Protein backbone atom coordinates (compact mmCIF):
# COMPACT_ATOMS: atom_id res chain seq x y z
CA MET A 1 -8.39 -13.09 -18.52
CA MET A 2 -10.04 -11.08 -15.77
CA ILE A 3 -7.09 -11.41 -13.39
CA ASP A 4 -4.81 -9.80 -15.99
CA GLU A 5 -7.10 -6.77 -16.16
CA GLU A 6 -7.22 -6.50 -12.37
CA ILE A 7 -3.44 -6.71 -12.12
CA ALA A 8 -3.12 -4.01 -14.80
CA ARG A 9 -5.45 -1.78 -12.75
CA ILE A 10 -3.45 -2.46 -9.59
CA ARG A 11 -0.25 -1.54 -11.43
CA ALA A 12 -1.83 1.69 -12.74
CA HIS A 13 -2.93 2.74 -9.24
CA ARG A 14 0.50 1.89 -7.83
CA ASN A 15 2.24 3.89 -10.57
CA ASN A 16 -0.04 6.88 -9.92
CA ILE A 17 0.72 6.69 -6.19
CA HIS A 18 4.47 6.70 -6.88
CA ARG A 19 4.09 9.64 -9.26
CA TYR A 20 2.07 11.66 -6.73
CA ARG A 21 4.61 10.93 -3.98
CA ARG A 22 7.42 12.15 -6.24
CA LEU A 23 5.44 15.30 -7.03
CA LEU A 24 4.93 16.00 -3.33
CA LYS A 25 8.71 16.19 -2.96
CA THR A 26 8.83 19.11 -5.39
CA LYS A 27 8.02 22.78 -4.87
CA LEU A 28 4.26 23.24 -5.20
CA SER A 29 1.72 25.90 -4.46
CA ASP A 30 -0.72 25.22 -1.64
CA VAL A 31 -3.52 24.53 -4.13
CA GLU A 32 -1.37 22.11 -6.14
CA ARG A 33 -0.23 20.32 -2.98
CA GLN A 34 -3.83 19.95 -1.74
CA PHE A 35 -4.92 18.59 -5.12
CA ILE A 36 -2.08 16.04 -5.24
CA GLU A 37 -2.65 14.98 -1.63
CA ARG A 38 -6.35 14.44 -2.40
CA ARG A 39 -5.50 12.42 -5.54
CA LEU A 40 -2.94 10.39 -3.57
CA SER A 41 -5.57 9.57 -0.97
CA GLU A 42 -8.10 8.60 -3.66
CA GLU A 43 -5.58 6.39 -5.47
CA SER A 44 -4.55 4.72 -2.20
CA SER A 45 -8.16 3.97 -1.31
CA ALA A 46 -8.89 2.65 -4.79
CA LEU A 47 -5.80 0.44 -4.66
CA ALA A 48 -6.76 -0.96 -1.25
CA ALA A 49 -10.31 -1.73 -2.41
CA LEU A 50 -9.13 -3.32 -5.63
CA THR A 51 -6.49 -5.50 -3.99
CA SER A 52 -8.92 -6.69 -1.32
CA ARG A 53 -11.40 -7.69 -4.05
CA THR A 54 -8.77 -9.27 -6.27
CA PHE A 55 -6.88 -11.07 -3.50
CA PRO A 56 -9.47 -11.59 -0.73
CA ILE A 57 -7.33 -13.94 1.36
CA ALA A 58 -5.00 -12.17 3.78
CA PHE A 59 -2.08 -14.12 5.12
CA THR A 60 -0.80 -13.18 8.55
CA VAL A 61 2.12 -14.50 10.53
CA PRO A 62 0.89 -16.05 13.76
CA GLN A 63 2.24 -14.51 16.96
CA PHE A 64 3.86 -17.23 19.05
CA PRO A 65 5.17 -16.63 22.55
CA PRO A 66 8.97 -16.94 22.81
CA THR A 67 10.13 -20.45 23.60
CA GLN A 68 12.15 -21.16 26.72
CA GLY A 69 15.84 -20.64 26.18
CA SER A 70 15.45 -18.55 23.02
CA ALA A 71 14.99 -15.20 24.76
CA GLY A 72 18.49 -15.00 26.18
CA ALA A 73 17.89 -17.04 29.33
CA ALA A 74 20.99 -17.44 31.47
CA SER A 75 22.04 -21.01 32.30
């Protein structure tokens, strides 16, 4: 069940990111804020790397030019 472990890791990183963002909204010393910002950056990078390894296919919406008549053309 490797995918279950990967999803659990993704969830842990995501939860840490949310926790750090909540902490940044509180009153912190400069040292505390720098530490949390660094941890947030590390967690974000780890999450991005893990998700790209776990789900290597990226789906994108193709960009189509507007069709005639759909962009508010006057008749």
